[in-house]
């Protein structure tokens, strides 16, 4: 490689690992329990009632 190509290589950032925005990691909906069943409204957190 020529020197001109190497000068831009130091500015490229290669992502390492998996991003958390890949659709596999998310905050669960507090209206459902751990098994995916709908909770009673009385069991919801206070800010959602």
Protein backbone atom coordinates (compact mmCIF):
# COMPACT_ATOMS: atom_id res chain seq x y z
CA UNK A 1 0.00 0.00 0.00
CA UNK A 2 1.12 3.49 -0.62
CA UNK A 3 1.53 6.04 2.15
CA UNK A 4 -1.57 7.95 1.03
CA UNK A 5 -3.73 4.88 1.67
CA UNK A 6 -2.28 4.33 5.11
CA UNK A 7 -3.11 7.86 6.27
CA UNK A 8 -6.88 7.23 6.15
CA UNK A 9 -6.65 3.78 7.72
CA UNK A 10 -6.05 5.21 11.18
CA UNK A 11 -9.40 7.04 11.02
CA UNK A 12 -11.49 3.96 10.23
CA UNK A 13 -13.14 2.42 13.28
CA UNK A 14 -14.05 -1.23 13.03
CA UNK A 15 -16.86 -2.28 15.38
CA UNK A 16 -15.86 -5.06 17.74
CA UNK A 17 -18.49 -7.30 19.31
CA UNK A 18 -22.25 -7.25 18.82
CA UNK A 19 -24.15 -4.02 19.09
CA UNK A 20 -26.99 -3.83 21.59
CA UNK A 21 -29.24 -2.33 18.92
CA UNK A 22 -29.33 -5.54 16.86
CA UNK A 23 -32.93 -6.35 17.82
CA UNK A 24 -31.97 -9.21 20.11
CA UNK A 25 -31.54 -7.07 23.23
CA UNK A 26 -34.47 -5.03 24.45
CA UNK A 27 -36.18 -3.95 27.64
CA UNK A 28 -39.17 -6.22 28.30
CA UNK A 29 -42.65 -4.72 28.43
CA UNK A 30 -43.64 -4.43 32.10
CA UNK A 31 -47.29 -5.15 31.22
CA UNK A 32 -46.36 -8.80 30.63
CA UNK A 33 -44.88 -11.30 33.08
CA UNK A 34 -41.78 -13.44 32.52
CA UNK A 35 -43.86 -16.05 30.65
CA UNK A 36 -45.37 -13.49 28.28
CA UNK A 37 -48.82 -13.42 29.90
CA UNK A 38 -50.72 -10.15 30.25
CA UNK A 39 -50.67 -8.85 33.84
CA UNK A 40 -53.62 -7.30 35.64
CA UNK A 41 -53.56 -3.51 35.59
CA UNK A 42 -53.12 -3.49 39.38
CA UNK A 43 -49.78 -5.33 38.89
CA UNK A 44 -48.41 -2.78 36.40
CA UNK A 45 -45.80 -0.29 37.55
CA UNK A 46 -47.31 2.94 38.90
CA UNK A 47 -46.27 5.14 35.96
CA UNK A 48 -48.16 2.90 33.49
CA UNK A 49 -51.48 2.74 35.37
